[in-house]
Amino acid sequence: MSLADLLASLAVLGLVMGATLTLLQQGLRMYAAGVARVESQQSARIALERMAREIRQAGYGASGASFPAISVAERSRIVIHLDLDGDGASAGRRETITWLLASGVLRRNAGGGAQPIVNGVRDLELTYLDARGHPTMTPDEIRAVAIVLTTEPDRPAADPARRVATTIATQVRLRNR
């Protein structure tokens, strides 16, 4: 084997190694994008399930209770009331629940401060519907709430083209109104 053959072999080996490295880096980027997508989807799903469950219970209480199911109905904030202890009022701890979006964090306050539920929330859109399915902002007329939640990973990709956002939606009917 001559020196020229050795140099040619090293050049080919260098090209093969370079191609292999490029392929591995691309695979790692795709893996990171997949992990970000799963994180975004899981965050959105968990938050939406929990929020929908509590909104569905709004107005729950002893028969004859006279408190509103929803007292604040804003685009990204809702205050719901329920009577867990059966005293006919929604004044106890965990009986008034606020869901709100603040600085990209979906928060829930049940009397102990606004606790973070999900980070990386890009948008929360609450639409309130009356008995006929028409939009309303009057708390006493609300019979259903349409929720649209858009999340993105806590650590978004540096490349804007690879940023993954997940939008999920549901409509929740208040059981107790």
C-alpha atoms as a PDB file:
ATOM      1  CA  MET A   1       0.000   0.000   0.000  1.00  0.00           C
ATOM      2  CA  SER A   2       1.459   3.316  -1.039  1.00  0.00           C
ATOM      3  CA  LEU A   3       1.172   6.708   0.601  1.00  0.00           C
ATOM      4  CA  ALA A   4      -1.271   7.871  -2.102  1.00  0.00           C
ATOM      5  CA  ASP A   5      -3.560   4.879  -1.392  1.00  0.00           C
ATOM      6  CA  LEU A   6      -3.447   5.634   2.324  1.00  0.00           C
ATOM      7  CA  LEU A   7      -4.326   9.317   1.775  1.00  0.00           C
ATOM      8  CA  ALA A   8      -7.183   8.393  -0.565  1.00  0.00           C
ATOM      9  CA  SER A   9      -8.527   5.908   2.015  1.00  0.00           C
ATOM     10  CA  LEU A  10      -8.355   8.541   4.756  1.00  0.00           C
ATOM     11  CA  ALA A  11     -10.188  11.057   2.554  1.00  0.00           C
ATOM     12  CA  VAL A  12     -12.986   8.565   1.843  1.00  0.00           C
ATOM     13  CA  LEU A  13     -13.141   7.639   5.545  1.00  0.00           C
ATOM     14  CA  GLY A  14     -13.375  11.350   6.435  1.00  0.00           C
ATOM     15  CA  LEU A  15     -16.290  11.820   4.032  1.00  0.00           C
ATOM     16  CA  VAL A  16     -18.090   8.769   5.414  1.00  0.00           C
ATOM     17  CA  MET A  17     -17.562   9.933   9.009  1.00  0.00           C
ATOM     18  CA  GLY A  18     -18.763  13.445   8.145  1.00  0.00           C
ATOM     19  CA  ALA A  19     -21.907  12.062   6.515  1.00  0.00           C
ATOM     20  CA  THR A  20     -22.513   9.806   9.528  1.00  0.00           C
ATOM     21  CA  LEU A  21     -22.125  12.722  11.947  1.00  0.00           C
ATOM     22  CA  THR A  22     -24.554  14.846   9.917  1.00  0.00           C
ATOM     23  CA  LEU A  23     -27.068  12.003   9.917  1.00  0.00           C
ATOM     24  CA  LEU A  24     -26.760  11.552  13.693  1.00  0.00           C
ATOM     25  CA  GLN A  25     -27.193  15.278  14.341  1.00  0.00           C
ATOM     26  CA  GLN A  26     -30.316  15.368  12.169  1.00  0.00           C
ATOM     27  CA  GLY A  27     -31.712  12.368  14.059  1.00  0.00           C
ATOM     28  CA  LEU A  28     -31.054  14.084  17.381  1.00  0.00           C
ATOM     29  CA  ARG A  29     -32.877  17.233  16.209  1.00  0.00           C
ATOM     30  CA  MET A  30     -35.857  15.163  15.077  1.00  0.00           C
ATOM     31  CA  TYR A  31     -35.903  13.331  18.420  1.00  0.00           C
ATOM     32  CA  ALA A  32     -35.868  16.653  20.309  1.00  0.00           C
ATOM     33  CA  ALA A  33     -38.740  17.948  18.153  1.00  0.00           C
ATOM     34  CA  GLY A  34     -40.726  14.770  18.892  1.00  0.00           C
ATOM     35  CA  VAL A  35     -40.129  15.091  22.627  1.00  0.00           C
ATOM     36  CA  ALA A  36     -41.233  18.740  22.500  1.00  0.00           C
ATOM     37  CA  ARG A  37     -44.400  17.773  20.610  1.00  0.00           C
ATOM     38  CA  VAL A  38     -45.274  15.080  23.164  1.00  0.00           C
ATOM     39  CA  GLU A  39     -44.618  17.470  26.074  1.00  0.00           C
ATOM     40  CA  SER A  40     -46.850  20.096  24.512  1.00  0.00           C
ATOM     41  CA  GLN A  41     -49.663  17.608  23.852  1.00  0.00           C
ATOM     42  CA  GLN A  42     -49.527  16.079  27.325  1.00  0.00           C
ATOM     43  CA  SER A  43     -49.551  19.479  29.025  1.00  0.00           C
ATOM     44  CA  ALA A  44     -52.556  20.595  27.017  1.00  0.00           C
ATOM     45  CA  ARG A  45     -54.459  17.350  27.590  1.00  0.00           C
ATOM     46  CA  ILE A  46     -53.911  17.283  31.349  1.00  0.00           C
ATOM     47  CA  ALA A  47     -54.848  20.937  31.823  1.00  0.00           C
ATOM     48  CA  LEU A  48     -57.939  20.688  29.643  1.00  0.00           C
ATOM     49  CA  GLU A  49     -59.201  17.539  31.396  1.00  0.00           C
ATOM     50  CA  ARG A  50     -58.843  19.053  34.846  1.00  0.00           C
ATOM     51  CA  MET A  51     -60.353  22.392  33.888  1.00  0.00           C
ATOM     52  CA  ALA A  52     -63.289  20.739  32.096  1.00  0.00           C
ATOM     53  CA  ARG A  53     -64.016  18.488  35.086  1.00  0.00           C
ATOM     54  CA  GLU A  54     -64.215  21.458  37.465  1.00  0.00           C
ATOM     55  CA  ILE A  55     -66.265  23.635  35.114  1.00  0.00           C
ATOM     56  CA  ARG A  56     -68.699  20.744  34.650  1.00  0.00           C
ATOM     57  CA  GLN A  57     -69.209  20.692  38.455  1.00  0.00           C
ATOM     58  CA  ALA A  58     -69.831  24.451  38.705  1.00  0.00           C
ATOM     59  CA  GLY A  59     -72.984  25.176  40.682  1.00  0.00           C
ATOM     60  CA  TYR A  60     -72.942  21.829  42.481  1.00  0.00           C
ATOM     61  CA  GLY A  61     -74.483  22.020  45.911  1.00  0.00           C
ATOM     62  CA  ALA A  62     -77.357  21.234  48.202  1.00  0.00           C
ATOM     63  CA  SER A  63     -80.797  21.642  46.715  1.00  0.00           C
ATOM     64  CA  GLY A  64     -82.053  25.157  47.194  1.00  0.00           C
ATOM     65  CA  ALA A  65     -78.549  26.643  47.237  1.00  0.00           C
ATOM     66  CA  SER A  66     -78.541  30.170  45.889  1.00  0.00           C
ATOM     67  CA  PHE A  67     -75.034  30.892  44.695  1.00  0.00           C
ATOM     68  CA  PRO A  68     -73.920  31.452  41.106  1.00  0.00           C
ATOM     69  CA  ALA A  69     -72.211  28.644  39.209  1.00  0.00           C
ATOM     70  CA  ILE A  70     -69.934  31.170  37.514  1.00  0.00           C
ATOM     71  CA  SER A  71     -69.293  34.670  38.844  1.00  0.00           C
ATOM     72  CA  VAL A  72     -66.525  35.884  36.507  1.00  0.00           C
ATOM     73  CA  ALA A  73     -66.617  35.028  32.807  1.00  0.00           C
ATOM     74  CA  GLU A  74     -63.678  36.539  30.925  1.00  0.00           C
ATOM     75  CA  ARG A  75     -61.758  35.427  27.841  1.00  0.00           C
ATOM     76  CA  SER A  76     -58.860  33.898  29.797  1.00  0.00           C
ATOM     77  CA  ARG A  77     -60.264  33.790  33.338  1.00  0.00           C
ATOM     78  CA  ILE A  78     -63.194  32.001  34.939  1.00  0.00           C
ATOM     79  CA  VAL A  79     -64.360  31.878  38.565  1.00  0.00           C
ATOM     80  CA  ILE A  80     -66.593  28.927  39.420  1.00  0.00           C
ATOM     81  CA  HIS A  81     -68.452  28.087  42.623  1.00  0.00           C
ATOM     82  CA  LEU A  82     -69.571  24.794  44.122  1.00  0.00           C
ATOM     83  CA  ASP A  83     -70.756  23.584  47.496  1.00  0.00           C
ATOM     84  CA  LEU A  84     -68.670  20.597  48.576  1.00  0.00           C
ATOM     85  CA  ASP A  85     -69.708  20.517  52.241  1.00  0.00           C
ATOM     86  CA  GLY A  86     -73.474  20.787  51.668  1.00  0.00           C
ATOM     87  CA  ASP A  87     -74.017  23.952  53.717  1.00  0.00           C
ATOM     88  CA  GLY A  88     -75.793  25.738  50.853  1.00  0.00           C
ATOM     89  CA  ALA A  89     -73.014  28.288  50.321  1.00  0.00           C
ATOM     90  CA  SER A  90     -69.827  28.357  48.303  1.00  0.00           C
ATOM     91  CA  ALA A  91     -67.786  30.188  50.922  1.00  0.00           C
ATOM     92  CA  GLY A  92     -65.524  27.376  52.111  1.00  0.00           C
ATOM     93  CA  ARG A  93     -62.018  26.638  50.994  1.00  0.00           C
ATOM     94  CA  ARG A  94     -61.899  24.825  47.642  1.00  0.00           C
ATOM     95  CA  GLU A  95     -65.486  25.923  46.921  1.00  0.00           C
ATOM     96  CA  THR A  96     -64.537  28.947  44.825  1.00  0.00           C
ATOM     97  CA  ILE A  97     -62.080  28.077  42.073  1.00  0.00           C
ATOM     98  CA  THR A  98     -60.397  30.519  39.714  1.00  0.00           C
ATOM     99  CA  TRP A  99     -58.708  29.428  36.485  1.00  0.00           C
ATOM    100  CA  LEU A 100     -56.622  32.062  34.734  1.00  0.00           C
ATOM    101  CA  LEU A 101     -53.806  32.525  32.265  1.00  0.00           C
ATOM    102  CA  ALA A 102     -50.986  34.738  33.569  1.00  0.00           C
ATOM    103  CA  SER A 103     -47.653  35.225  31.773  1.00  0.00           C
ATOM    104  CA  GLY A 104     -47.830  31.958  29.847  1.00  0.00           C
ATOM    105  CA  VAL A 105     -48.782  29.890  32.907  1.00  0.00           C
ATOM    106  CA  LEU A 106     -52.231  28.390  33.432  1.00  0.00           C
ATOM    107  CA  ARG A 107     -53.025  28.836  37.116  1.00  0.00           C
ATOM    108  CA  ARG A 108     -55.698  27.483  39.452  1.00  0.00           C
ATOM    109  CA  ASN A 109     -56.631  29.191  42.708  1.00  0.00           C
ATOM    110  CA  ALA A 110     -58.859  27.267  45.108  1.00  0.00           C
ATOM    111  CA  GLY A 111     -58.179  29.451  48.134  1.00  0.00           C
ATOM    112  CA  GLY A 112     -54.492  28.796  48.652  1.00  0.00           C
ATOM    113  CA  GLY A 113     -53.040  31.127  46.042  1.00  0.00           C
ATOM    114  CA  ALA A 114     -52.805  30.793  42.275  1.00  0.00           C
ATOM    115  CA  GLN A 115     -50.923  27.519  41.797  1.00  0.00           C
ATOM    116  CA  PRO A 116     -49.297  26.808  38.418  1.00  0.00           C
ATOM    117  CA  ILE A 117     -50.919  23.927  36.542  1.00  0.00           C
ATOM    118  CA  VAL A 118     -49.205  24.105  33.141  1.00  0.00           C
ATOM    119  CA  ASN A 119     -46.312  26.194  31.867  1.00  0.00           C
ATOM    120  CA  GLY A 120     -45.901  27.140  28.229  1.00  0.00           C
ATOM    121  CA  VAL A 121     -49.498  28.131  27.555  1.00  0.00           C
ATOM    122  CA  ARG A 122     -49.615  30.375  24.521  1.00  0.00           C
ATOM    123  CA  ASP A 123     -53.355  31.046  24.634  1.00  0.00           C
ATOM    124  CA  LEU A 124     -56.487  30.212  26.612  1.00  0.00           C
ATOM    125  CA  GLU A 125     -59.780  31.145  25.025  1.00  0.00           C
ATOM    126  CA  LEU A 126     -62.994  30.663  26.974  1.00  0.00           C
ATOM    127  CA  THR A 127     -66.286  31.195  25.156  1.00  0.00           C
ATOM    128  CA  TYR A 128     -69.459  31.168  27.217  1.00  0.00           C
ATOM    129  CA  LEU A 129     -72.707  29.831  25.739  1.00  0.00           C
ATOM    130  CA  ASP A 130     -76.331  30.191  26.829  1.00  0.00           C
ATOM    131  CA  ALA A 131     -79.025  27.476  26.735  1.00  0.00           C
ATOM    132  CA  ARG A 132     -79.499  27.937  22.975  1.00  0.00           C
ATOM    133  CA  GLY A 133     -75.765  27.752  22.250  1.00  0.00           C
ATOM    134  CA  HIS A 134     -75.317  31.464  21.594  1.00  0.00           C
ATOM    135  CA  PRO A 135     -72.345  33.353  23.064  1.00  0.00           C
ATOM    136  CA  THR A 136     -73.062  35.246  26.276  1.00  0.00           C
ATOM    137  CA  MET A 137     -71.003  37.079  28.878  1.00  0.00           C
ATOM    138  CA  THR A 138     -73.745  37.177  31.527  1.00  0.00           C
ATOM    139  CA  PRO A 139     -72.769  34.671  34.248  1.00  0.00           C
ATOM    140  CA  ASP A 140     -76.379  33.721  35.123  1.00  0.00           C
ATOM    141  CA  GLU A 141     -77.110  32.749  31.502  1.00  0.00           C
ATOM    142  CA  ILE A 142     -74.067  30.493  31.010  1.00  0.00           C
ATOM    143  CA  ARG A 143     -74.932  26.846  30.419  1.00  0.00           C
ATOM    144  CA  ALA A 144     -71.788  25.701  28.582  1.00  0.00           C
ATOM    145  CA  VAL A 145     -68.177  26.786  28.164  1.00  0.00           C
ATOM    146  CA  ALA A 146     -66.087  26.225  25.043  1.00  0.00           C
ATOM    147  CA  ILE A 147     -62.390  25.952  25.901  1.00  0.00           C
ATOM    148  CA  VAL A 148     -59.545  26.335  23.400  1.00  0.00           C
ATOM    149  CA  LEU A 149     -56.076  25.802  24.869  1.00  0.00           C
ATOM    150  CA  THR A 150     -52.810  26.282  22.975  1.00  0.00           C
ATOM    151  CA  THR A 151     -49.571  25.104  24.566  1.00  0.00           C
ATOM    152  CA  GLU A 152     -45.949  24.943  23.529  1.00  0.00           C
ATOM    153  CA  PRO A 153     -42.960  23.244  25.174  1.00  0.00           C
ATOM    154  CA  ASP A 154     -41.288  24.917  28.155  1.00  0.00           C
ATOM    155  CA  ARG A 155     -38.024  24.876  26.222  1.00  0.00           C
ATOM    156  CA  PRO A 156     -38.970  25.722  22.625  1.00  0.00           C
ATOM    157  CA  ALA A 157     -36.590  24.856  19.800  1.00  0.00           C
ATOM    158  CA  ALA A 158     -34.113  27.526  18.764  1.00  0.00           C
ATOM    159  CA  ASP A 159     -35.232  27.208  15.144  1.00  0.00           C
ATOM    160  CA  PRO A 160     -38.620  28.994  14.791  1.00  0.00           C
ATOM    161  CA  ALA A 161     -39.622  26.581  12.007  1.00  0.00           C
ATOM    162  CA  ARG A 162     -39.382  23.683  14.470  1.00  0.00           C
ATOM    163  CA  ARG A 163     -41.419  25.215  17.303  1.00  0.00           C
ATOM    164  CA  VAL A 164     -44.317  22.943  18.091  1.00  0.00           C
ATOM    165  CA  ALA A 165     -47.611  24.244  19.430  1.00  0.00           C
ATOM    166  CA  THR A 166     -50.601  22.109  20.338  1.00  0.00           C
ATOM    167  CA  THR A 167     -54.149  23.422  20.228  1.00  0.00           C
ATOM    168  CA  ILE A 168     -56.967  21.378  21.706  1.00  0.00           C
ATOM    169  CA  ALA A 169     -60.569  22.306  22.299  1.00  0.00           C
ATOM    170  CA  THR A 170     -63.634  21.021  24.077  1.00  0.00           C
ATOM    171  CA  GLN A 171     -67.065  22.190  25.075  1.00  0.00           C
ATOM    172  CA  VAL A 172     -68.244  21.608  28.631  1.00  0.00           C
ATOM    173  CA  ARG A 173     -71.882  21.702  29.680  1.00  0.00           C
ATOM    174  CA  LEU A 174     -72.579  22.736  33.274  1.00  0.00           C
ATOM    175  CA  ARG A 175     -74.353  19.798  34.936  1.00  0.00           C
ATOM    176  CA  ASN A 176     -75.969  21.818  37.666  1.00  0.00           C
ATOM    177  CA  ARG A 177     -77.579  24.643  35.695  1.00  0.00           C
END
